[in-house]
Structure formats: C-alpha cells, structure tokens
Amino acid sequence: MTTQNDNLVIKLLKKSVGLPTGASSCCGTPGDRAAQTPVSNPEDRVHAAVRERYAGIAQTRAASAGCCESSGCDCGSRLYSPDMLADLPAEVTGLSLGCGDPITLAGLRPGDTVVDLGSGGGIDCFLAAQRVGAEGHVIGVDMTPEMIERARANAVKVGAANVEFRQGQIEELPMPDASADAVISNCVINLSPDKPQVFREMHRVLKSGGHVAVSDIVTSGPLLDTLKNNLEAWSACIAGAIPSQEYAEGLRAAGFVDVQVKPKGAVDTALSLVPVGTPFSAIITARKP
C-alpha cells in the first residue's frame, strides 16, 4: 500500500531528475485500478500498472494540447531543438513522454532500419524517419494498445509512410533476428521488470555492427526497498531505475561492446555523484560487434 510519505519521496525523486510531479505528468502515477489489478506475478503487476498509466495518457490527453501546457512536463519543446519539431503537429509533440533526445545521439543514416522501444505516441519514430529517409524503415514497439492506436493515427497525419507500429513487450520484441541497424528508446527501459531480457532482445534484433542510442533514468546507487516494491513509483520512472554501473554491466553481459552510460547534463552529473540511490537522466550507447 502506498503511504503519504511514499508519495512525497516519489515526488522529490522525480523533481530531482527533472521529471514532472503533477498527477497528469508524463511519467506520473498509475490510477488505483492499476494498483489493484488482480495479477499473480510481480512482473505482471508492474506491466499492468505501467500499461494502465500510459493507456490513460493516450485516452485523456487532449490532442490539441501539449503535455507541457497541462502539467509542466519536460516534453518535446524542452527535449529537442526547435528545428527538429518544425514539421510535427501538436498531436505528436504533445505525447512526448521521454527524458532526452535519442535521435541526435543515434547518428542515424539514410536507409537505416530503426526500432524504438516503447514508442508511445511516436515522436521519436517520426524524427528517426526524417533521418533515415524514404529508403529507411522505422518500427515502433509499444505494449499499450491505446498508444499504438494514437501513434498509428499520428503516422497518417504526418504522412510517415516509412514508419510502422507493432504492439508487443520490449522483453519479447516482435521482430526477426539481425533486422535492425539501430535500437533507440526514450525513458522506457527503466519501466521493465526484466532489463537483462530487454538487453538480450536488443542484441538479438540488431545486425552485426548495429548500435544502441538510449535516453533513460538510472541511479547513483541502490534504491530504497520500499520504492522498489511500489507500483506508483514504477510507473513514475523511479522504482525501475537501476544503478548506472549495473545498466552498463547488463548491456555487456548481453554481448554489447563500447558501452557508455553517462549523465545527460550538468545537473545529472551532480546527481550521479550522490551515492544514495538518487535517480538521474543518462544517455546510453553501445554497439553489437
């Protein structure tokens, strides 16, 4: 059961990493229905809570209003340069739920095949599509049917013929082996209760020489056990965050090389030096040999 003190800790940790703290925020808290979802497996409970939260965002966020308008969210206009968003409507930028800019980090090339883990409303997919061109292909994977529906509608609005969205979990990607040149993700892998399996799936779908470009939330040390078991903290992008060193080791164990997990900016660099499980935004890169 979530206590008032738990909620206060969650808000403080979200504020420290630059995530919004309002009830309607991007990485907000799930509704009571999610916490009470009758599932038997702890991992299934996490999936249910996360799915419930993002289904609610997809269904209730006004298509004409950006998330920054209603919740102070660190969304599109704060994460990407203005020229990157110039051709995207509010229906797309208003569903930006990330914590960074994996597109610039990825260095995508014309003709690349890209897979986006936890694609949400599709903003990173559409930005990637601009980089890979008509000869390239972008595949967004999301487990929430309501988000898939919104993303597909957005693809029609922006005329993104080289983008498709597939429903599935990032622990079991609906893609064949060695089919992608790049894997990107934006503040989603922290939501998975089985990150080693996510890393293995990333390695599986990448071609030899393919690379990873991820923006995510990590920590400077182990989180409090009370937070790890808190479903609200999971969907708030807090409880699922793991130490940056563990994140890097997990990628190497999956077979990646040239692994780097670095704080995103000056504030995140400062937070990364606080050895008490403080969350911070990081940029993660790796390569499949």
Foldseek 3Di string as FASTA:
>chain_A
DDDPVNLVVLQVLCVLAQFFNDCLGLLFFADPCLCVPDDDDLQVSLVSRLLRNLLCNLPPPDLQDARCVPTVGCWDPNADPPVLCVLAHSSQRSFGRFSHQLQVVQPDAAQFEEEEAACFLNSNVVSNCVHNDPNYAYEYEHQHPSRQVNNVVRCVVSVSPRYHYDYDHLLDDPAAFQAGQEYEYGAPLLLHPDNLSSLLSRLGRHHAFHKYKYKHKAWLEDDDPVLLSDSRSSSSRQNSHYHQVVNQVSNVVSQWPPKDKAAPDDSQNVRNPDNHGRMYIIIIMTTHD
